[in-house]
């Protein structure tokens, strides 16, 4: 896996060390503080992107993964390019993010590539439709 850093942690009985290197270096002292703190969305987004990277690294199907941000700070958390089609993904730590979270998906319509189905990876417990092209995706199935 070129371009990735993997740190194998030693076993520890200390809860602080079990949070992970990034949380430890950021001085989060407990799981609850990390889960409810100001940066919890950033950690969740990092986790989800890491899961997509692991999935496609070992898959025979190769994809290109990027993110999108324009000059007006409108962004799409993850754009997966597969078989010439763009699949926009938004990542939200809530169970039922509002539909406005995918408003920026329309920015990809300016692309020369076809925009295919996408969705919001979130804390929901099941897959269900958001609209005719997009779905809610439980984080535990990626």
N, C-alpha and C. Protein backbone atom coordinates (compact mmCIF):
# COMPACT_ATOMS: atom_id res chain seq x y z
N UNK A 1 0.84 -1.17 0.00
CA UNK A 1 0.00 0.00 0.00
C UNK A 1 0.89 1.24 0.00
N UNK A 2 1.30 1.66 -1.14
CA UNK A 2 2.15 2.83 -1.26
C UNK A 2 1.41 4.08 -0.83
N UNK A 3 2.12 4.99 -0.17
CA UNK A 3 1.52 6.26 0.20
C UNK A 3 0.72 6.21 1.49
N UNK A 4 0.76 5.11 2.22
CA UNK A 4 0.00 5.00 3.47
C UNK A 4 0.96 4.68 4.60
N UNK A 5 0.63 5.16 5.77
CA UNK A 5 1.40 4.87 6.96
C UNK A 5 0.58 3.94 7.82
N UNK A 6 1.18 2.89 8.28
CA UNK A 6 0.50 1.95 9.15
C UNK A 6 1.31 1.82 10.43
N UNK A 7 0.68 2.11 11.55
CA UNK A 7 1.35 2.01 12.84
C UNK A 7 0.71 0.88 13.61
N UNK A 8 1.50 -0.11 13.96
CA UNK A 8 1.01 -1.23 14.74
C UNK A 8 1.23 -0.87 16.21
N UNK A 9 0.14 -0.73 16.93
CA UNK A 9 0.22 -0.32 18.34
C UNK A 9 0.54 -1.51 19.22
N UNK A 10 1.24 -1.26 20.32
CA UNK A 10 1.47 -2.31 21.29
C UNK A 10 0.22 -2.45 22.15
N UNK A 11 0.03 -3.62 22.71
CA UNK A 11 -1.10 -3.84 23.59
C UNK A 11 -0.90 -3.04 24.86
N UNK A 12 -1.97 -2.39 25.33
CA UNK A 12 -1.86 -1.59 26.54
C UNK A 12 -3.16 -1.67 27.31
N UNK A 13 -3.06 -1.62 28.61
CA UNK A 13 -4.26 -1.58 29.46
C UNK A 13 -4.73 -0.14 29.66
N UNK A 14 -3.95 0.80 29.21
CA UNK A 14 -4.30 2.21 29.37
C UNK A 14 -5.33 2.61 28.31
N UNK A 15 -6.47 3.14 28.74
CA UNK A 15 -7.53 3.56 27.81
C UNK A 15 -7.02 4.64 26.87
N UNK A 16 -6.18 5.53 27.35
CA UNK A 16 -5.69 6.62 26.51
C UNK A 16 -4.92 6.09 25.31
N UNK A 17 -4.10 5.09 25.50
CA UNK A 17 -3.34 4.54 24.39
C UNK A 17 -4.23 3.76 23.43
N UNK A 18 -5.36 3.23 23.88
CA UNK A 18 -6.26 2.48 23.02
C UNK A 18 -7.04 3.37 22.06
N UNK A 19 -7.01 4.66 22.26
CA UNK A 19 -7.74 5.58 21.38
C UNK A 19 -7.08 5.70 20.01
N UNK A 20 -5.82 5.40 19.90
CA UNK A 20 -5.12 5.52 18.64
C UNK A 20 -4.12 6.66 18.68
N UNK A 21 -3.18 6.63 17.79
CA UNK A 21 -2.10 7.60 17.79
C UNK A 21 -2.61 9.03 17.58
N UNK A 22 -3.48 9.22 16.61
CA UNK A 22 -3.96 10.57 16.31
C UNK A 22 -4.71 11.16 17.50
N UNK A 23 -5.58 10.37 18.11
CA UNK A 23 -6.32 10.85 19.28
C UNK A 23 -5.36 11.12 20.44
N UNK A 24 -4.39 10.27 20.62
CA UNK A 24 -3.41 10.45 21.69
C UNK A 24 -2.62 11.74 21.49
N UNK A 25 -2.15 11.95 20.26
CA UNK A 25 -1.38 13.16 19.97
C UNK A 25 -2.22 14.43 20.07
N UNK A 26 -3.52 14.30 19.86
CA UNK A 26 -4.43 15.44 19.97
C UNK A 26 -4.88 15.66 21.42
N UNK A 27 -4.40 14.82 22.32
CA UNK A 27 -4.67 14.89 23.76
C UNK A 27 -6.12 14.65 24.14
N UNK A 28 -6.81 13.81 23.36
CA UNK A 28 -8.13 13.36 23.78
C UNK A 28 -7.91 12.33 24.86
N UNK A 29 -8.57 12.48 26.00
CA UNK A 29 -8.26 11.64 27.15
C UNK A 29 -9.18 10.44 27.32
N UNK A 30 -10.34 10.44 26.66
CA UNK A 30 -11.24 9.31 26.80
C UNK A 30 -12.03 9.10 25.51
N UNK A 31 -12.62 7.92 25.41
CA UNK A 31 -13.44 7.60 24.24
C UNK A 31 -14.62 8.57 24.14
N UNK A 32 -15.27 8.86 25.28
CA UNK A 32 -16.42 9.77 25.27
C UNK A 32 -16.03 11.17 24.83
N UNK A 33 -14.89 11.65 25.28
CA UNK A 33 -14.43 12.97 24.88
C UNK A 33 -14.18 13.01 23.37
N UNK A 34 -13.59 11.96 22.85
CA UNK A 34 -13.33 11.88 21.42
C UNK A 34 -14.64 11.80 20.64
N UNK A 35 -15.57 10.97 21.06
CA UNK A 35 -16.84 10.78 20.35
C UNK A 35 -17.73 12.01 20.38
N UNK A 36 -17.63 12.82 21.42
CA UNK A 36 -18.51 13.99 21.57
C UNK A 36 -17.79 15.31 21.38
N UNK A 37 -16.51 15.27 21.11
CA UNK A 37 -15.72 16.49 20.97
C UNK A 37 -15.89 17.17 19.63
N UNK A 38 -15.27 18.32 19.52
CA UNK A 38 -15.40 19.16 18.32
C UNK A 38 -14.85 18.49 17.06
N UNK A 39 -13.91 17.59 17.21
CA UNK A 39 -13.28 16.98 16.04
C UNK A 39 -13.87 15.62 15.67
N UNK A 40 -14.96 15.20 16.30
CA UNK A 40 -15.47 13.85 16.06
C UNK A 40 -15.84 13.61 14.60
N UNK A 41 -16.36 14.60 13.92
CA UNK A 41 -16.69 14.45 12.49
C UNK A 41 -15.46 14.22 11.64
N UNK A 42 -14.36 14.89 11.99
CA UNK A 42 -13.11 14.71 11.24
C UNK A 42 -12.56 13.30 11.42
N UNK A 43 -12.62 12.79 12.65
CA UNK A 43 -12.15 11.42 12.90
C UNK A 43 -13.03 10.42 12.16
N UNK A 44 -14.36 10.64 12.17
CA UNK A 44 -15.27 9.74 11.48
C UNK A 44 -15.00 9.75 9.98
N UNK A 45 -14.82 10.94 9.41
CA UNK A 45 -14.53 11.05 7.98
C UNK A 45 -13.24 10.32 7.64
N UNK A 46 -12.22 10.47 8.46
CA UNK A 46 -10.95 9.79 8.24
C UNK A 46 -11.14 8.28 8.28
N UNK A 47 -11.94 7.79 9.22
CA UNK A 47 -12.22 6.35 9.33
C UNK A 47 -12.90 5.84 8.06
N UNK A 48 -13.93 6.56 7.59
CA UNK A 48 -14.69 6.11 6.42
C UNK A 48 -13.81 6.08 5.17
N UNK A 49 -13.04 7.13 4.96
CA UNK A 49 -12.15 7.17 3.80
C UNK A 49 -11.14 6.02 3.88
N UNK A 50 -10.62 5.77 5.07
CA UNK A 50 -9.69 4.65 5.26
C UNK A 50 -10.33 3.31 4.91
N UNK A 51 -11.59 3.13 5.27
CA UNK A 51 -12.30 1.89 4.93
C UNK A 51 -12.48 1.74 3.43
N UNK A 52 -12.82 2.83 2.74
CA UNK A 52 -12.93 2.77 1.28
C UNK A 52 -11.56 2.44 0.66
N UNK A 53 -10.50 3.05 1.16
CA UNK A 53 -9.16 2.77 0.65
C UNK A 53 -8.81 1.29 0.83
N UNK A 54 -9.10 0.73 2.00
CA UNK A 54 -8.82 -0.69 2.24
C UNK A 54 -9.65 -1.57 1.31
N UNK A 55 -10.92 -1.24 1.16
CA UNK A 55 -11.79 -2.04 0.31
C UNK A 55 -11.28 -2.10 -1.12
N UNK A 56 -10.96 -0.94 -1.68
CA UNK A 56 -10.56 -0.91 -3.09
C UNK A 56 -9.10 -1.27 -3.31
N UNK A 57 -8.26 -1.18 -2.28
CA UNK A 57 -6.87 -1.59 -2.43
C UNK A 57 -6.79 -3.08 -2.72
N UNK A 58 -7.65 -3.87 -2.09
CA UNK A 58 -7.60 -5.32 -2.24
C UNK A 58 -8.66 -5.84 -3.21
N UNK A 59 -9.34 -4.96 -3.89
CA UNK A 59 -10.38 -5.36 -4.84
C UNK A 59 -9.78 -5.48 -6.24
N UNK A 60 -10.27 -6.43 -7.04
CA UNK A 60 -9.80 -6.50 -8.42
C UNK A 60 -10.28 -5.31 -9.25
N UNK A 61 -11.33 -4.66 -8.77
CA UNK A 61 -11.87 -3.48 -9.47
C UNK A 61 -11.11 -2.24 -9.01
N UNK A 62 -10.43 -1.58 -9.92
CA UNK A 62 -9.63 -0.41 -9.57
C UNK A 62 -10.45 0.87 -9.75
N UNK A 63 -10.26 1.78 -8.82
CA UNK A 63 -10.98 3.05 -8.85
C UNK A 63 -10.00 4.20 -8.58
N UNK A 64 -10.45 5.39 -8.88
CA UNK A 64 -9.71 6.60 -8.54
C UNK A 64 -10.53 7.32 -7.48
N UNK A 65 -9.93 7.64 -6.34
CA UNK A 65 -10.63 8.33 -5.27
C UNK A 65 -10.05 9.72 -5.07
N UNK A 66 -10.93 10.71 -5.08
CA UNK A 66 -10.54 12.09 -4.87
C UNK A 66 -11.61 12.77 -4.01
N UNK A 67 -11.39 14.04 -3.70
CA UNK A 67 -12.44 14.84 -3.10
C UNK A 67 -12.60 16.06 -3.98
N UNK A 68 -13.67 16.81 -3.78
CA UNK A 68 -13.93 17.99 -4.62
C UNK A 68 -14.14 19.19 -3.71
N UNK A 69 -13.49 20.30 -4.06
CA UNK A 69 -13.72 21.57 -3.38
C UNK A 69 -13.53 22.68 -4.40
N UNK A 70 -14.49 23.59 -4.47
CA UNK A 70 -14.35 24.70 -5.42
C UNK A 70 -13.93 25.98 -4.70
N UNK A 71 -13.84 27.07 -5.46
CA UNK A 71 -13.39 28.35 -4.90
C UNK A 71 -14.36 28.91 -3.87
N UNK A 72 -15.60 28.46 -3.89
CA UNK A 72 -16.61 28.93 -2.93
C UNK A 72 -16.70 28.02 -1.71
N UNK A 73 -15.72 27.14 -1.55
CA UNK A 73 -15.64 26.20 -0.43
C UNK A 73 -16.77 25.16 -0.41
N UNK A 74 -17.43 24.96 -1.55
CA UNK A 74 -18.39 23.87 -1.65
C UNK A 74 -17.58 22.60 -1.88
N UNK A 75 -17.97 21.54 -1.18
CA UNK A 75 -17.14 20.33 -1.28
C UNK A 75 -17.96 19.05 -1.30
N UNK A 76 -17.32 18.02 -1.80
CA UNK A 76 -17.82 16.65 -1.75
C UNK A 76 -16.72 15.85 -1.08
N UNK A 77 -17.06 15.15 -0.01
CA UNK A 77 -16.04 14.47 0.79
C UNK A 77 -15.24 13.43 0.02
N UNK A 78 -15.91 12.68 -0.84
CA UNK A 78 -15.23 11.62 -1.58
C UNK A 78 -15.91 11.45 -2.93
N UNK A 79 -15.10 11.42 -3.99
CA UNK A 79 -15.61 11.14 -5.33
C UNK A 79 -14.89 9.89 -5.81
N UNK A 80 -15.67 8.84 -6.04
CA UNK A 80 -15.10 7.57 -6.51
C UNK A 80 -15.35 7.48 -8.00
N UNK A 81 -14.27 7.42 -8.77
CA UNK A 81 -14.38 7.28 -10.22
C UNK A 81 -14.19 5.80 -10.56
N UNK A 82 -15.25 5.21 -11.08
CA UNK A 82 -15.22 3.78 -11.40
C UNK A 82 -15.85 3.57 -12.77
N UNK A 83 -15.12 2.91 -13.65
CA UNK A 83 -15.58 2.60 -15.01
C UNK A 83 -16.08 3.86 -15.72
N UNK A 84 -15.35 4.95 -15.55
CA UNK A 84 -15.68 6.20 -16.24
C UNK A 84 -16.84 6.98 -15.66
N UNK A 85 -17.36 6.55 -14.52
CA UNK A 85 -18.48 7.24 -13.88
C UNK A 85 -18.06 7.78 -12.52
N UNK A 86 -18.63 8.91 -12.14
CA UNK A 86 -18.33 9.54 -10.86
C UNK A 86 -19.42 9.20 -9.84
N UNK A 87 -19.00 8.73 -8.68
CA UNK A 87 -19.92 8.39 -7.59
C UNK A 87 -19.62 9.31 -6.41
N UNK A 88 -20.45 10.32 -6.17
CA UNK A 88 -20.19 11.24 -5.06
C UNK A 88 -20.62 10.65 -3.71
N UNK A 89 -19.79 10.86 -2.71
CA UNK A 89 -20.05 10.35 -1.37
C UNK A 89 -19.87 11.49 -0.37
N UNK A 90 -20.86 11.69 0.46
CA UNK A 90 -20.77 12.63 1.57
C UNK A 90 -20.66 11.78 2.84
N UNK A 91 -19.95 12.28 3.84
CA UNK A 91 -19.73 11.52 5.07
C UNK A 91 -20.22 12.37 6.24
N UNK A 92 -21.19 11.84 6.98
CA UNK A 92 -21.77 12.56 8.12
C UNK A 92 -21.87 11.62 9.31
N UNK A 93 -21.56 12.12 10.48
CA UNK A 93 -21.56 11.29 11.68
C UNK A 93 -22.96 11.13 12.29
N UNK A 94 -23.97 11.75 11.78
CA UNK A 94 -25.31 11.61 12.34
C UNK A 94 -26.01 10.38 11.77
N UNK A 95 -27.13 10.01 12.37
CA UNK A 95 -27.88 8.84 11.91
C UNK A 95 -28.70 9.13 10.66
N UNK A 96 -29.28 10.30 10.60
CA UNK A 96 -30.12 10.68 9.47
C UNK A 96 -29.77 12.10 9.01
N UNK A 97 -28.68 12.26 8.26
CA UNK A 97 -28.31 13.60 7.78
C UNK A 97 -29.40 14.18 6.88
N UNK A 98 -29.48 15.48 6.87
CA UNK A 98 -30.48 16.14 6.03
C UNK A 98 -30.12 15.99 4.56
N UNK A 99 -31.13 16.05 3.72
CA UNK A 99 -30.95 15.88 2.28
C UNK A 99 -30.06 16.98 1.69
N UNK A 100 -30.02 18.14 2.34
CA UNK A 100 -29.19 19.23 1.83
C UNK A 100 -27.70 18.88 1.85
N UNK A 101 -27.32 17.81 2.55
CA UNK A 101 -25.92 17.38 2.58
C UNK A 101 -25.41 16.97 1.20
N UNK A 102 -26.33 16.59 0.30
CA UNK A 102 -25.89 16.17 -1.04
C UNK A 102 -26.09 17.27 -2.09
N UNK A 103 -26.41 18.45 -1.64
CA UNK A 103 -26.64 19.56 -2.58
C UNK A 103 -25.43 19.79 -3.48
N UNK A 104 -24.25 19.62 -2.95
CA UNK A 104 -23.03 19.86 -3.73
C UNK A 104 -22.79 18.79 -4.80
N UNK A 105 -23.52 17.66 -4.77
CA UNK A 105 -23.35 16.63 -5.79
C UNK A 105 -23.63 17.20 -7.18
N UNK A 106 -24.52 18.17 -7.28
CA UNK A 106 -24.85 18.79 -8.55
C UNK A 106 -23.68 19.49 -9.22
N UNK A 107 -22.66 19.83 -8.44
CA UNK A 107 -21.47 20.48 -9.00
C UNK A 107 -20.75 19.58 -10.00
N UNK A 108 -20.89 18.27 -9.85
CA UNK A 108 -20.22 17.33 -10.74
C UNK A 108 -20.88 17.26 -12.11
N UNK A 109 -22.08 17.78 -12.24
CA UNK A 109 -22.79 17.75 -13.53
C UNK A 109 -22.01 18.53 -14.61
N UNK A 110 -21.15 19.44 -14.19
CA UNK A 110 -20.32 20.21 -15.13
C UNK A 110 -19.19 19.37 -15.71
N UNK A 111 -18.95 18.20 -15.13
CA UNK A 111 -17.87 17.33 -15.58
C UNK A 111 -18.22 16.69 -16.92
N UNK A 112 -17.19 16.30 -17.64
CA UNK A 112 -17.40 15.59 -18.90
C UNK A 112 -17.74 14.11 -18.65
N UNK A 113 -17.59 13.66 -17.41
CA UNK A 113 -17.89 12.28 -17.07
C UNK A 113 -19.32 12.16 -16.53
N UNK A 114 -19.89 10.98 -16.71
CA UNK A 114 -21.23 10.72 -16.21
C UNK A 114 -21.22 10.67 -14.69
N UNK A 115 -22.21 11.30 -14.07
CA UNK A 115 -22.37 11.22 -12.62
C UNK A 115 -23.37 10.11 -12.33
N UNK A 116 -22.93 9.12 -11.59
CA UNK A 116 -23.76 7.95 -11.29
C UNK A 116 -24.29 8.06 -9.85
N UNK A 117 -24.81 6.95 -9.35
CA UNK A 117 -25.36 6.96 -8.01
C UNK A 117 -24.30 7.25 -6.96
N UNK A 118 -24.72 7.81 -5.86
CA UNK A 118 -23.84 8.13 -4.75
C UNK A 118 -24.60 7.99 -3.45
N UNK A 119 -24.15 8.69 -2.43
CA UNK A 119 -24.88 8.60 -1.18
C UNK A 119 -24.17 9.27 -0.03
N UNK A 120 -24.78 9.09 1.13
CA UNK A 120 -24.23 9.63 2.38
C UNK A 120 -23.88 8.45 3.28
N UNK A 121 -22.60 8.32 3.62
CA UNK A 121 -22.19 7.33 4.61
C UNK A 121 -22.45 7.96 5.97
N UNK A 122 -23.22 7.26 6.79
CA UNK A 122 -23.62 7.82 8.08
C UNK A 122 -23.84 6.72 9.10
N UNK A 123 -24.39 7.07 10.25
CA UNK A 123 -24.56 6.14 11.36
C UNK A 123 -25.90 5.41 11.33
N UNK A 124 -26.59 5.43 10.20
CA UNK A 124 -27.86 4.73 10.09
C UNK A 124 -27.65 3.23 10.20
N UNK A 125 -28.71 2.49 10.48
CA UNK A 125 -28.56 1.05 10.65
C UNK A 125 -28.94 0.24 9.42
N UNK A 126 -29.42 0.91 8.37
CA UNK A 126 -29.80 0.17 7.15
C UNK A 126 -29.66 1.07 5.93
N UNK A 127 -29.56 0.44 4.77
CA UNK A 127 -29.51 1.17 3.50
C UNK A 127 -30.94 1.54 3.13
N UNK A 128 -31.15 2.79 2.76
CA UNK A 128 -32.45 3.18 2.22
C UNK A 128 -32.28 4.40 1.34
N UNK A 129 -33.22 4.64 0.42
CA UNK A 129 -33.07 5.71 -0.56
C UNK A 129 -33.16 7.10 0.05
N UNK A 130 -32.35 7.96 -0.50
CA UNK A 130 -32.37 9.38 -0.15
C UNK A 130 -33.15 10.15 -1.21
N UNK A 131 -32.91 9.78 -2.46
CA UNK A 131 -33.66 10.27 -3.61
C UNK A 131 -33.52 9.24 -4.73
N UNK A 132 -33.82 9.61 -5.95
CA UNK A 132 -33.80 8.62 -7.04
C UNK A 132 -32.39 8.14 -7.40
N UNK A 133 -31.33 8.86 -7.01
CA UNK A 133 -29.97 8.48 -7.37
C UNK A 133 -29.07 8.16 -6.19
N UNK A 134 -29.47 8.54 -5.02
CA UNK A 134 -28.58 8.46 -3.87
C UNK A 134 -29.22 7.70 -2.71
N UNK A 135 -28.36 7.12 -1.87
CA UNK A 135 -28.84 6.32 -0.75
C UNK A 135 -28.10 6.71 0.54
N UNK A 136 -28.72 6.37 1.67
CA UNK A 136 -28.03 6.41 2.96
C UNK A 136 -27.26 5.09 3.06
N UNK A 137 -25.98 5.18 3.45
CA UNK A 137 -25.12 4.01 3.51
C UNK A 137 -24.64 3.85 4.95
N UNK A 138 -24.99 2.76 5.62
CA UNK A 138 -24.50 2.56 6.99
C UNK A 138 -22.97 2.41 7.00
N UNK A 139 -22.33 3.08 7.93
CA UNK A 139 -20.86 3.01 7.98
C UNK A 139 -20.35 1.62 8.28
N UNK A 140 -21.17 0.78 8.87
CA UNK A 140 -20.69 -0.56 9.23
C UNK A 140 -20.71 -1.55 8.07
N UNK A 141 -21.11 -1.12 6.86
CA UNK A 141 -21.09 -2.06 5.72
C UNK A 141 -20.04 -1.69 4.68
N UNK A 142 -19.29 -0.63 4.90
CA UNK A 142 -18.28 -0.26 3.89
C UNK A 142 -16.99 -1.02 4.11
